[in-house]
Amino acid sequence: LSVPKALLWLHPLLAVITVACLWTAVALWSGKADYFFNSGTFVVSLAF
């Protein structure tokens, strides 16, 4: 099927926002580091 142009731009735009927010959250994380959250951030970055 044809893909609307809005979806073609929305997916990478949301991905950039996601990765930026995740790495900012990791940098600002207070307290003990969380292994799963850090690993999830890395894996999502690989998908990016």
ModelCIF file with pLDDT and N, C-alpha, C, O atoms, coordinates in Angstrom:
data_MODEL
#
_entry.id   MODEL 
#
_entity.id                         1 
_entity.type                       polymer 
_entity.pdbx_number_of_molecules   1 
#
_entity_poly.entity_id                      1 
_entity_poly.type                           'polypeptide(L)' 
_entity_poly.nstd_linkage                   no 
_entity_poly.nstd_monomer                   no 
_entity_poly.pdbx_seq_one_letter_code       LSVPKALLWLHPLLAVITVACLWTAVALWSGKADYFFNSGTFVVSLAF 
_entity_poly.pdbx_seq_one_letter_code_can   LSVPKALLWLHPLLAVITVACLWTAVALWSGKADYFFNSGTFVVSLAF 
_entity_poly.pdbx_strand_id                 A 
#
loop_
_entity_poly_seq.entity_id 
_entity_poly_seq.num 
_entity_poly_seq.mon_id 
_entity_poly_seq.hetero 
1 1  LEU n 
1 2  SER n 
1 3  VAL n 
1 4  PRO n 
1 5  LYS n 
1 6  ALA n 
1 7  LEU n 
1 8  LEU n 
1 9  TRP n 
1 10 LEU n 
1 11 HIS n 
1 12 PRO n 
1 13 LEU n 
1 14 LEU n 
1 15 ALA n 
1 16 VAL n 
1 17 ILE n 
1 18 THR n 
1 19 VAL n 
1 20 ALA n 
1 21 CYS n 
1 22 LEU n 
1 23 TRP n 
1 24 THR n 
1 25 ALA n 
1 26 VAL n 
1 27 ALA n 
1 28 LEU n 
1 29 TRP n 
1 30 SER n 
1 31 GLY n 
1 32 LYS n 
1 33 ALA n 
1 34 ASP n 
1 35 TYR n 
1 36 PHE n 
1 37 PHE n 
1 38 ASN n 
1 39 SER n 
1 40 GLY n 
1 41 THR n 
1 42 PHE n 
1 43 VAL n 
1 44 VAL n 
1 45 SER n 
1 46 LEU n 
1 47 ALA n 
1 48 PHE n 
#
_struct_asym.id          A 
_struct_asym.entity_id   1 
#
loop_
_ma_qa_metric.id 
_ma_qa_metric.mode 
_ma_qa_metric.name 
_ma_qa_metric.software_group_id 
_ma_qa_metric.type 
1 global pLDDT . pLDDT 
2 local  pLDDT . pLDDT 
#
_ma_qa_metric_global.metric_id      1 
_ma_qa_metric_global.metric_value   91.90 
_ma_qa_metric_global.model_id       1 
_ma_qa_metric_global.ordinal_id     1 
#
loop_
_ma_qa_metric_local.label_asym_id 
_ma_qa_metric_local.label_comp_id 
_ma_qa_metric_local.label_seq_id 
_ma_qa_metric_local.metric_id 
_ma_qa_metric_local.metric_value 
_ma_qa_metric_local.model_id 
_ma_qa_metric_local.ordinal_id 
A LEU 1  2 92.00 1 1  
A SER 2  2 91.00 1 2  
A VAL 3  2 88.00 1 3  
A PRO 4  2 89.00 1 4  
A LYS 5  2 89.00 1 5  
A ALA 6  2 90.00 1 6  
A LEU 7  2 89.00 1 7  
A LEU 8  2 88.00 1 8  
A TRP 9  2 93.00 1 9  
A LEU 10 2 96.00 1 10 
A HIS 11 2 95.00 1 11 
A PRO 12 2 94.00 1 12 
A LEU 13 2 96.00 1 13 
A LEU 14 2 96.00 1 14 
A ALA 15 2 96.00 1 15 
A VAL 16 2 96.00 1 16 
A ILE 17 2 96.00 1 17 
A THR 18 2 95.00 1 18 
A VAL 19 2 96.00 1 19 
A ALA 20 2 96.00 1 20 
A CYS 21 2 95.00 1 21 
A LEU 22 2 94.00 1 22 
A TRP 23 2 95.00 1 23 
A THR 24 2 95.00 1 24 
A ALA 25 2 92.00 1 25 
A VAL 26 2 92.00 1 26 
A ALA 27 2 91.00 1 27 
A LEU 28 2 90.00 1 28 
A TRP 29 2 85.00 1 29 
A SER 30 2 77.00 1 30 
A GLY 31 2 75.00 1 31 
A LYS 32 2 79.00 1 32 
A ALA 33 2 77.00 1 33 
A ASP 34 2 85.00 1 34 
A TYR 35 2 91.00 1 35 
A PHE 36 2 93.00 1 36 
A PHE 37 2 93.00 1 37 
A ASN 38 2 93.00 1 38 
A SER 39 2 95.00 1 39 
A GLY 40 2 95.00 1 40 
A THR 41 2 95.00 1 41 
A PHE 42 2 96.00 1 42 
A VAL 43 2 97.00 1 43 
A VAL 44 2 96.00 1 44 
A SER 45 2 96.00 1 45 
A LEU 46 2 96.00 1 46 
A ALA 47 2 96.00 1 47 
A PHE 48 2 96.00 1 48 
#
loop_
_atom_site.group_PDB 
_atom_site.id 
_atom_site.type_symbol 
_atom_site.label_atom_id 
_atom_site.label_alt_id 
_atom_site.label_comp_id 
_atom_site.label_asym_id 
_atom_site.label_entity_id 
_atom_site.label_seq_id 
_atom_site.pdbx_PDB_ins_code 
_atom_site.Cartn_x 
_atom_site.Cartn_y 
_atom_site.Cartn_z 
_atom_site.occupancy 
_atom_site.B_iso_or_equiv 
_atom_site.pdbx_formal_charge 
_atom_site.auth_seq_id 
_atom_site.auth_comp_id 
_atom_site.auth_asym_id 
_atom_site.auth_atom_id 
_atom_site.pdbx_PDB_model_num 
ATOM 1   N N  . LEU A 1 1  ? 0.832  -1.198 0.000  1.00 92.00 ? 1  LEU A N  1 
ATOM 2   C CA . LEU A 1 1  ? 0.000  0.000  0.000  1.00 92.00 ? 1  LEU A CA 1 
ATOM 3   C C  . LEU A 1 1  ? 0.870  1.253  0.000  1.00 92.00 ? 1  LEU A C  1 
ATOM 4   O O  . LEU A 1 1  ? 2.032  1.210  0.405  1.00 92.00 ? 1  LEU A O  1 
ATOM 5   N N  . SER A 1 2  ? 0.313  2.347  -0.448 1.00 91.00 ? 2  SER A N  1 
ATOM 6   C CA . SER A 1 2  ? 1.065  3.598  -0.406 1.00 91.00 ? 2  SER A CA 1 
ATOM 7   C C  . SER A 1 2  ? 1.161  4.081  1.037  1.00 91.00 ? 2  SER A C  1 
ATOM 8   O O  . SER A 1 2  ? 0.287  3.821  1.864  1.00 91.00 ? 2  SER A O  1 
ATOM 9   N N  . VAL A 1 3  ? 2.239  4.785  1.307  1.00 88.00 ? 3  VAL A N  1 
ATOM 10  C CA . VAL A 1 3  ? 2.481  5.275  2.658  1.00 88.00 ? 3  VAL A CA 1 
ATOM 11  C C  . VAL A 1 3  ? 2.327  6.788  2.655  1.00 88.00 ? 3  VAL A C  1 
ATOM 12  O O  . VAL A 1 3  ? 2.970  7.464  1.852  1.00 88.00 ? 3  VAL A O  1 
ATOM 13  N N  . PRO A 1 4  ? 1.497  7.334  3.528  1.00 89.00 ? 4  PRO A N  1 
ATOM 14  C CA . PRO A 1 4  ? 1.347  8.790  3.593  1.00 89.00 ? 4  PRO A CA 1 
ATOM 15  C C  . PRO A 1 4  ? 2.670  9.467  3.976  1.00 89.00 ? 4  PRO A C  1 
ATOM 16  O O  . PRO A 1 4  ? 3.429  8.957  4.800  1.00 89.00 ? 4  PRO A O  1 
ATOM 17  N N  . LYS A 1 5  ? 2.924  10.616 3.363  1.00 89.00 ? 5  LYS A N  1 
ATOM 18  C CA . LYS A 1 5  ? 4.169  11.358 3.638  1.00 89.00 ? 5  LYS A CA 1 
ATOM 19  C C  . LYS A 1 5  ? 4.297  11.716 5.113  1.00 89.00 ? 5  LYS A C  1 
ATOM 20  O O  . LYS A 1 5  ? 5.405  11.755 5.648  1.00 89.00 ? 5  LYS A O  1 
ATOM 21  N N  . ALA A 1 6  ? 3.186  11.975 5.768  1.00 90.00 ? 6  ALA A N  1 
ATOM 22  C CA . ALA A 1 6  ? 3.236  12.341 7.189  1.00 90.00 ? 6  ALA A CA 1 
ATOM 23  C C  . ALA A 1 6  ? 3.852  11.221 8.020  1.00 90.00 ? 6  ALA A C  1 
ATOM 24  O O  . ALA A 1 6  ? 4.633  11.487 8.933  1.00 90.00 ? 6  ALA A O  1 
ATOM 25  N N  . LEU A 1 7  ? 3.507  9.969  7.712  1.00 89.00 ? 7  LEU A N  1 
ATOM 26  C CA . LEU A 1 7  ? 4.083  8.845  8.451  1.00 89.00 ? 7  LEU A CA 1 
ATOM 27  C C  . LEU A 1 7  ? 5.570  8.692  8.160  1.00 89.00 ? 7  LEU A C  1 
ATOM 28  O O  . LEU A 1 7  ? 6.346  8.318  9.038  1.00 89.00 ? 7  LEU A O  1 
ATOM 29  N N  . LEU A 1 8  ? 5.960  8.983  6.926  1.00 88.00 ? 8  LEU A N  1 
ATOM 30  C CA . LEU A 1 8  ? 7.377  8.868  6.571  1.00 88.00 ? 8  LEU A CA 1 
ATOM 31  C C  . LEU A 1 8  ? 8.241  9.851  7.346  1.00 88.00 ? 8  LEU A C  1 
ATOM 32  O O  . LEU A 1 8  ? 9.405  9.560  7.619  1.00 88.00 ? 8  LEU A O  1 
ATOM 33  N N  . TRP A 1 9  ? 7.702  10.996 7.701  1.00 93.00 ? 9  TRP A N  1 
ATOM 34  C CA . TRP A 1 9  ? 8.451  11.969 8.481  1.00 93.00 ? 9  TRP A CA 1 
ATOM 35  C C  . TRP A 1 9  ? 8.208  11.835 9.974  1.00 93.00 ? 9  TRP A C  1 
ATOM 36  O O  . TRP A 1 9  ? 9.089  12.152 10.772 1.00 93.00 ? 9  TRP A O  1 
ATOM 37  N N  . LEU A 1 10 ? 7.035  11.372 10.363 1.00 96.00 ? 10 LEU A N  1 
ATOM 38  C CA . LEU A 1 10 ? 6.709  11.266 11.783 1.00 96.00 ? 10 LEU A CA 1 
ATOM 39  C C  . LEU A 1 10 ? 7.564  10.215 12.488 1.00 96.00 ? 10 LEU A C  1 
ATOM 40  O O  . LEU A 1 10 ? 8.018  10.437 13.610 1.00 96.00 ? 10 LEU A O  1 
ATOM 41  N N  . HIS A 1 11 ? 7.784  9.080  11.840 1.00 95.00 ? 11 HIS A N  1 
ATOM 42  C CA . HIS A 1 11 ? 8.549  7.996  12.472 1.00 95.00 ? 11 HIS A CA 1 
ATOM 43  C C  . HIS A 1 11 ? 9.976  8.419  12.813 1.00 95.00 ? 11 HIS A C  1 
ATOM 44  O O  . HIS A 1 11 ? 10.383 8.250  13.962 1.00 95.00 ? 11 HIS A O  1 
ATOM 45  N N  . PRO A 1 12 ? 10.759 8.961  11.876 1.00 94.00 ? 12 PRO A N  1 
ATOM 46  C CA . PRO A 1 12 ? 12.113 9.378  12.259 1.00 94.00 ? 12 PRO A CA 1 
ATOM 47  C C  . PRO A 1 12 ? 12.127 10.569 13.214 1.00 94.00 ? 12 PRO A C  1 
ATOM 48  O O  . PRO A 1 12 ? 13.022 10.673 14.054 1.00 94.00 ? 12 PRO A O  1 
ATOM 49  N N  . LEU A 1 13 ? 11.155 11.464 13.099 1.00 96.00 ? 13 LEU A N  1 
ATOM 50  C CA . LEU A 1 13 ? 11.102 12.605 14.019 1.00 96.00 ? 13 LEU A CA 1 
ATOM 51  C C  . LEU A 1 13 ? 10.883 12.130 15.453 1.00 96.00 ? 13 LEU A C  1 
ATOM 52  O O  . LEU A 1 13 ? 11.571 12.572 16.374 1.00 96.00 ? 13 LEU A O  1 
ATOM 53  N N  . LEU A 1 14 ? 9.922  11.229 15.634 1.00 96.00 ? 14 LEU A N  1 
ATOM 54  C CA . LEU A 1 14 ? 9.684  10.672 16.969 1.00 96.00 ? 14 LEU A CA 1 
ATOM 55  C C  . LEU A 1 14 ? 10.900 9.888  17.470 1.00 96.00 ? 14 LEU A C  1 
ATOM 56  O O  . LEU A 1 14 ? 11.203 9.904  18.663 1.00 96.00 ? 14 LEU A O  1 
ATOM 57  N N  . ALA A 1 15 ? 11.593 9.204  16.557 1.00 96.00 ? 15 ALA A N  1 
ATOM 58  C CA . ALA A 1 15 ? 12.780 8.439  16.957 1.00 96.00 ? 15 ALA A CA 1 
ATOM 59  C C  . ALA A 1 15 ? 13.890 9.363  17.463 1.00 96.00 ? 15 ALA A C  1 
ATOM 60  O O  . ALA A 1 15 ? 14.540 9.057  18.463 1.00 96.00 ? 15 ALA A O  1 
ATOM 61  N N  . VAL A 1 16 ? 14.106 10.472 16.792 1.00 96.00 ? 16 VAL A N  1 
ATOM 62  C CA . VAL A 1 16 ? 15.123 11.435 17.237 1.00 96.00 ? 16 VAL A CA 1 
ATOM 63  C C  . VAL A 1 16 ? 14.758 11.994 18.607 1.00 96.00 ? 16 VAL A C  1 
ATOM 64  O O  . VAL A 1 16 ? 15.612 12.099 19.487 1.00 96.00 ? 16 VAL A O  1 
ATOM 65  N N  . ILE A 1 17 ? 13.496 12.352 18.783 1.00 96.00 ? 17 ILE A N  1 
ATOM 66  C CA . ILE A 1 17 ? 13.047 12.874 20.079 1.00 96.00 ? 17 ILE A CA 1 
ATOM 67  C C  . ILE A 1 17 ? 13.208 11.817 21.162 1.00 96.00 ? 17 ILE A C  1 
ATOM 68  O O  . ILE A 1 17 ? 13.632 12.128 22.275 1.00 96.00 ? 17 ILE A O  1 
ATOM 69  N N  . THR A 1 18 ? 12.872 10.569 20.844 1.00 95.00 ? 18 THR A N  1 
ATOM 70  C CA . THR A 1 18 ? 13.001 9.479  21.814 1.00 95.00 ? 18 THR A CA 1 
ATOM 71  C C  . THR A 1 18 ? 14.436 9.302  22.262 1.00 95.00 ? 18 THR A C  1 
ATOM 72  O O  . THR A 1 18 ? 14.714 9.257  23.460 1.00 95.00 ? 18 THR A O  1 
ATOM 73  N N  . VAL A 1 19 ? 15.351 9.201  21.307 1.00 96.00 ? 19 VAL A N  1 
ATOM 74  C CA . VAL A 1 19 ? 16.752 8.966  21.660 1.00 96.00 ? 19 VAL A CA 1 
ATOM 75  C C  . VAL A 1 19 ? 17.315 10.147 22.451 1.00 96.00 ? 19 VAL A C  1 
ATOM 76  O O  . VAL A 1 19 ? 18.059 9.949  23.412 1.00 96.00 ? 19 VAL A O  1 
ATOM 77  N N  . ALA A 1 20 ? 16.968 11.362 22.056 1.00 96.00 ? 20 ALA A N  1 
ATOM 78  C CA . ALA A 1 20 ? 17.447 12.540 22.793 1.00 96.00 ? 20 ALA A CA 1 
ATOM 79  C C  . ALA A 1 20 ? 16.918 12.541 24.227 1.00 96.00 ? 20 ALA A C  1 
ATOM 80  O O  . ALA A 1 20 ? 17.667 12.817 25.164 1.00 96.00 ? 20 ALA A O  1 
ATOM 81  N N  . CYS A 1 21 ? 15.646 12.238 24.398 1.00 95.00 ? 21 CYS A N  1 
ATOM 82  C CA . CYS A 1 21 ? 15.066 12.195 25.745 1.00 95.00 ? 21 CYS A CA 1 
ATOM 83  C C  . CYS A 1 21 ? 15.660 11.066 26.590 1.00 95.00 ? 21 CYS A C  1 
ATOM 84  O O  . CYS A 1 21 ? 15.913 11.243 27.782 1.00 95.00 ? 21 CYS A O  1 
ATOM 85  N N  . LEU A 1 22 ? 15.878 9.916  25.971 1.00 94.00 ? 22 LEU A N  1 
ATOM 86  C CA . LEU A 1 22 ? 16.433 8.788  26.722 1.00 94.00 ? 22 LEU A CA 1 
ATOM 87  C C  . LEU A 1 22 ? 17.832 9.090  27.226 1.00 94.00 ? 22 LEU A C  1 
ATOM 88  O O  . LEU A 1 22 ? 18.127 8.862  28.399 1.00 94.00 ? 22 LEU A O  1 
ATOM 89  N N  . TRP A 1 23 ? 18.696 9.598  26.367 1.00 95.00 ? 23 TRP A N  1 
ATOM 90  C CA . TRP A 1 23 ? 20.072 9.878  26.795 1.00 95.00 ? 23 TRP A CA 1 
ATOM 91  C C  . TRP A 1 23 ? 20.114 11.031 27.787 1.00 95.00 ? 23 TRP A C  1 
ATOM 92  O O  . TRP A 1 23 ? 20.976 11.057 28.666 1.00 95.00 ? 23 TRP A O  1 
ATOM 93  N N  . THR A 1 24 ? 19.196 11.986 27.661 1.00 95.00 ? 24 THR A N  1 
ATOM 94  C CA . THR A 1 24 ? 19.110 13.048 28.658 1.00 95.00 ? 24 THR A CA 1 
ATOM 95  C C  . THR A 1 24 ? 18.652 12.477 29.990 1.00 95.00 ? 24 THR A C  1 
ATOM 96  O O  . THR A 1 24 ? 19.171 12.861 31.038 1.00 95.00 ? 24 THR A O  1 
ATOM 97  N N  . ALA A 1 25 ? 17.696 11.574 29.965 1.00 92.00 ? 25 ALA A N  1 
ATOM 98  C CA . ALA A 1 25 ? 17.219 10.941 31.198 1.00 92.00 ? 25 ALA A CA 1 
ATOM 99  C C  . ALA A 1 25 ? 18.328 10.120 31.851 1.00 92.00 ? 25 ALA A C  1 
ATOM 100 O O  . ALA A 1 25 ? 18.451 10.116 33.075 1.00 92.00 ? 25 ALA A O  1 
ATOM 101 N N  . VAL A 1 26 ? 19.133 9.428  31.053 1.00 92.00 ? 26 VAL A N  1 
ATOM 102 C CA . VAL A 1 26 ? 20.252 8.656  31.620 1.00 92.00 ? 26 VAL A CA 1 
ATOM 103 C C  . VAL A 1 26 ? 21.257 9.599  32.264 1.00 92.00 ? 26 VAL A C  1 
ATOM 104 O O  . VAL A 1 26 ? 21.772 9.321  33.348 1.00 92.00 ? 26 VAL A O  1 
ATOM 105 N N  . ALA A 1 27 ? 21.537 10.717 31.596 1.00 91.00 ? 27 ALA A N  1 
ATOM 106 C CA . ALA A 1 27 ? 22.517 11.668 32.127 1.00 91.00 ? 27 ALA A CA 1 
ATOM 107 C C  . ALA A 1 27 ? 22.024 12.337 33.410 1.00 91.00 ? 27 ALA A C  1 
ATOM 108 O O  . ALA A 1 27 ? 22.824 12.633 34.298 1.00 91.00 ? 27 ALA A O  1 
ATOM 109 N N  . LEU A 1 28 ? 20.727 12.574 33.516 1.00 90.00 ? 28 LEU A N  1 
ATOM 110 C CA . LEU A 1 28 ? 20.171 13.259 34.683 1.00 90.00 ? 28 LEU A CA 1 
ATOM 111 C C  . LEU A 1 28 ? 19.655 12.313 35.764 1.00 90.00 ? 28 LEU A C  1 
ATOM 112 O O  . LEU A 1 28 ? 19.125 12.763 36.780 1.00 90.00 ? 28 LEU A O  1 
ATOM 113 N N  . TRP A 1 29 ? 19.807 10.993 35.550 1.00 85.00 ? 29 TRP A N  1 
ATOM 114 C CA . TRP A 1 29 ? 19.276 10.007 36.495 1.00 85.00 ? 29 TRP A CA 1 
ATOM 115 C C  . TRP A 1 29 ? 19.924 10.219 37.853 1.00 85.00 ? 29 TRP A C  1 
ATOM 116 O O  . TRP A 1 29 ? 21.149 10.247 37.966 1.00 85.00 ? 29 TRP A O  1 
ATOM 117 N N  . SER A 1 30 ? 19.103 10.367 38.881 1.00 77.00 ? 30 SER A N  1 
ATOM 118 C CA . SER A 1 30 ? 19.643 10.542 40.227 1.00 77.00 ? 30 SER A CA 1 
ATOM 119 C C  . SER A 1 30 ? 19.521 9.228  40.985 1.00 77.00 ? 30 SER A C  1 
ATOM 120 O O  . SER A 1 30 ? 18.557 8.481  40.811 1.00 77.00 ? 30 SER A O  1 
ATOM 121 N N  . GLY A 1 31 ? 20.488 8.965  41.808 1.00 75.00 ? 31 GLY A N  1 
ATOM 122 C CA . GLY A 1 31 ? 20.478 7.734  42.576 1.00 75.00 ? 31 GLY A CA 1 
ATOM 123 C C  . GLY A 1 31 ? 21.229 6.619  41.862 1.00 75.00 ? 31 GLY A C  1 
ATOM 124 O O  . GLY A 1 31 ? 22.036 6.854  40.962 1.00 75.00 ? 31 GLY A O  1 
ATOM 125 N N  . LYS A 1 32 ? 20.935 5.397  42.297 1.00 79.00 ? 32 LYS A N  1 
ATOM 126 C CA . LYS A 1 32 ? 21.613 4.227  41.750 1.00 79.00 ? 32 LYS A CA 1 
ATOM 127 C C  . LYS A 1 32 ? 21.221 4.020  40.281 1.00 79.00 ? 32 LYS A C  1 
ATOM 128 O O  . LYS A 1 32 ? 20.048 4.119  39.921 1.00 79.00 ? 32 LYS A O  1 
ATOM 129 N N  . ALA A 1 33 ? 22.211 3.733  39.450 1.00 77.00 ? 33 ALA A N  1 
ATOM 130 C CA . ALA A 1 33 ? 21.948 3.489  38.029 1.00 77.00 ? 33 ALA A CA 1 
ATOM 131 C C  . ALA A 1 33 ? 21.100 2.228  37.870 1.00 77.00 ? 33 ALA A C  1 
ATOM 132 O O  . ALA A 1 33 ? 21.288 1.248  38.590 1.00 77.00 ? 33 ALA A O  1 
ATOM 133 N N  . ASP A 1 34 ? 20.184 2.262  36.939 1.00 85.00 ? 34 ASP A N  1 
ATOM 134 C CA . ASP A 1 34 ? 19.317 1.126  36.681 1.00 85.00 ? 34 ASP A CA 1 
ATOM 135 C C  . ASP A 1 34 ? 19.814 0.376  35.455 1.00 85.00 ? 34 ASP A C  1 
ATOM 136 O O  . ASP A 1 34 ? 19.879 0.931  34.358 1.00 85.00 ? 34 ASP A O  1 
ATOM 137 N N  . TYR A 1 35 ? 20.161 -0.882 35.650 1.00 91.00 ? 35 TYR A N  1 
ATOM 138 C CA . TYR A 1 35 ? 20.731 -1.693 34.578 1.00 91.00 ? 35 TYR A CA 1 
ATOM 139 C C  . TYR A 1 35 ? 19.763 -1.835 33.402 1.00 91.00 ? 35 TYR A C  1 
ATOM 140 O O  . TYR A 1 35 ? 20.171 -1.697 32.249 1.00 91.00 ? 35 TYR A O  1 
ATOM 141 N N  . PHE A 1 36 ? 18.501 -2.105 33.678 1.00 93.00 ? 36 PHE A N  1 
ATOM 142 C CA . PHE A 1 36 ? 17.532 -2.339 32.607 1.00 93.00 ? 36 PHE A CA 1 
ATOM 143 C C  . PHE A 1 36 ? 17.254 -1.059 31.817 1.00 93.00 ? 36 PHE A C  1 
ATOM 144 O O  . PHE A 1 36 ? 17.147 -1.097 30.591 1.00 93.00 ? 36 PHE A O  1 
ATOM 145 N N  . PHE A 1 37 ? 17.136 0.076  32.517 1.00 93.00 ? 37 PHE A N  1 
ATOM 146 C CA . PHE A 1 37 ? 16.877 1.321  31.801 1.00 93.00 ? 37 PHE A CA 1 
ATOM 147 C C  . PHE A 1 37 ? 18.070 1.697  30.928 1.00 93.00 ? 37 PHE A C  1 
ATOM 148 O O  . PHE A 1 37 ? 17.894 2.115  29.783 1.00 93.00 ? 37 PHE A O  1 
ATOM 149 N N  . ASN A 1 38 ? 19.277 1.553  31.460 1.00 93.00 ? 38 ASN A N  1 
ATOM 150 C CA . ASN A 1 38 ? 20.469 1.859  30.675 1.00 93.00 ? 38 ASN A CA 1 
ATOM 151 C C  . ASN A 1 38 ? 20.609 0.918  29.480 1.00 93.00 ? 38 ASN A C  1 
ATOM 152 O O  . ASN A 1 38 ? 20.946 1.348  28.378 1.00 93.00 ? 38 ASN A O  1 
ATOM 153 N N  . SER A 1 39 ? 20.347 -0.362 29.708 1.00 95.00 ? 39 SER A N  1 
ATOM 154 C CA . SER A 1 39 ? 20.413 -1.328 28.609 1.00 95.00 ? 39 SER A CA 1 
ATOM 155 C C  . SER A 1 39 ? 19.346 -1.040 27.566 1.00 95.00 ? 39 SER A C  1 
ATOM 156 O O  . SER A 1 39 ? 19.612 -1.121 26.367 1.00 95.00 ? 39 SER A O  1 
ATOM 157 N N  . GLY A 1 40 ? 18.148 -0.707 28.009 1.00 95.00 ? 40 GLY A N  1 
ATOM 158 C CA . GLY A 1 40 ? 17.071 -0.363 27.085 1.00 95.00 ? 40 GLY A CA 1 
ATOM 159 C C  . GLY A 1 40 ? 17.418 0.859  26.255 1.00 95.00 ? 40 GLY A C  1 
ATOM 160 O O  . GLY A 1 40 ? 17.108 0.914  25.065 1.00 95.00 ? 40 GLY A O  1 
ATOM 161 N N  . THR A 1 41 ? 18.058 1.835  26.875 1.00 95.00 ? 41 THR A N  1 
ATOM 162 C CA . THR A 1 41 ? 18.483 3.032  26.141 1.00 95.00 ? 41 THR A CA 1 
ATOM 163 C C  . THR A 1 41 ? 19.493 2.662  25.064 1.00 95.00 ? 41 THR A C  1 
ATOM 164 O O  . THR A 1 41 ? 19.419 3.157  23.940 1.00 95.00 ? 41 THR A O  1 
ATOM 165 N N  . PHE A 1 42 ? 20.432 1.793  25.409 1.00 96.00 ? 42 PHE A N  1 
ATOM 166 C CA . PHE A 1 42 ? 21.432 1.357  24.435 1.00 96.00 ? 42 PHE A CA 1 
ATOM 167 C C  . PHE A 1 42 ? 20.782 0.580  23.285 1.00 96.00 ? 42 PHE A C  1 
ATOM 168 O O  . PHE A 1 42 ? 21.113 0.807  22.121 1.00 96.00 ? 42 PHE A O  1 
ATOM 169 N N  . VAL A 1 43 ? 19.876 -0.320 23.598 1.00 97.00 ? 43 VAL A N  1 
ATOM 170 C CA . VAL A 1 43 ? 19.229 -1.140 22.561 1.00 97.00 ? 43 VAL A CA 1 
ATOM 171 C C  . VAL A 1 43 ? 18.349 -0.277 21.655 1.00 97.00 ? 43 VAL A C  1 
ATOM 172 O O  . VAL A 1 43 ? 18.328 -0.479 20.441 1.00 97.00 ? 43 VAL A O  1 
ATOM 173 N N  . VAL A 1 44 ? 17.626 0.678  22.235 1.00 96.00 ? 44 VAL A N  1 
ATOM 174 C CA . VAL A 1 44 ? 16.819 1.591  21.414 1.00 96.00 ? 44 VAL A CA 1 
ATOM 175 C C  . VAL A 1 44 ? 17.736 2.424  20.521 1.00 96.00 ? 44 VAL A C  1 
ATOM 176 O O  . VAL A 1 44 ? 17.383 2.724  19.380 1.00 96.00 ? 44 VAL A O  1 
ATOM 177 N N  . SER A 1 45 ? 18.898 2.796  21.024 1.00 96.00 ? 45 SER A N  1 
ATOM 178 C CA . SER A 1 45 ? 19.857 3.538  20.199 1.00 96.00 ? 45 SER A CA 1 
ATOM 179 C C  . SER A 1 45 ? 20.359 2.681  19.040 1.00 96.00 ? 45 SER A C  1 
ATOM 180 O O  . SER A 1 45 ? 20.580 3.194  17.943 1.00 96.00 ? 45 SER A O  1 
ATOM 181 N N  . LEU A 1 46 ? 20.539 1.390  19.271 1.00 96.00 ? 46 LEU A N  1 
ATOM 182 C CA . LEU A 1 46 ? 20.917 0.485  18.175 1.00 96.00 ? 46 LEU A CA 1 
ATOM 183 C C  . LEU A 1 46 ? 19.815 0.426  17.123 1.00 96.00 ? 46 LEU A C  1 
ATOM 184 O O  . LEU A 1 46 ? 20.095 0.434  15.924 1.00 96.00 ? 46 LEU A O  1 
ATOM 185 N N  . ALA A 1 47 ? 18.574 0.367  17.568 1.00 96.00 ? 47 ALA A N  1 
ATOM 186 C CA . ALA A 1 47 ? 17.449 0.369  16.623 1.00 96.00 ? 47 ALA A CA 1 
ATOM 187 C C  . ALA A 1 47 ? 17.414 1.680  15.842 1.00 96.00 ? 47 ALA A C  1 
ATOM 188 O O  . ALA A 1 47 ? 17.068 1.694  14.661 1.00 96.00 ? 47 ALA A O  1 
ATOM 189 N N  . PHE A 1 48 ? 17.771 2.774  16.500 1.00 96.00 ? 48 PHE A N  1 
ATOM 190 C CA . PHE A 1 48 ? 17.826 4.075  15.833 1.00 96.00 ? 48 PHE A CA 1 
ATOM 191 C C  . PHE A 1 48 ? 18.879 4.070  14.719 1.00 96.00 ? 48 PHE A C  1 
ATOM 192 O O  . PHE A 1 48 ? 19.068 5.082  14.044 1.00 96.00 ? 48 PHE A O  1 
#
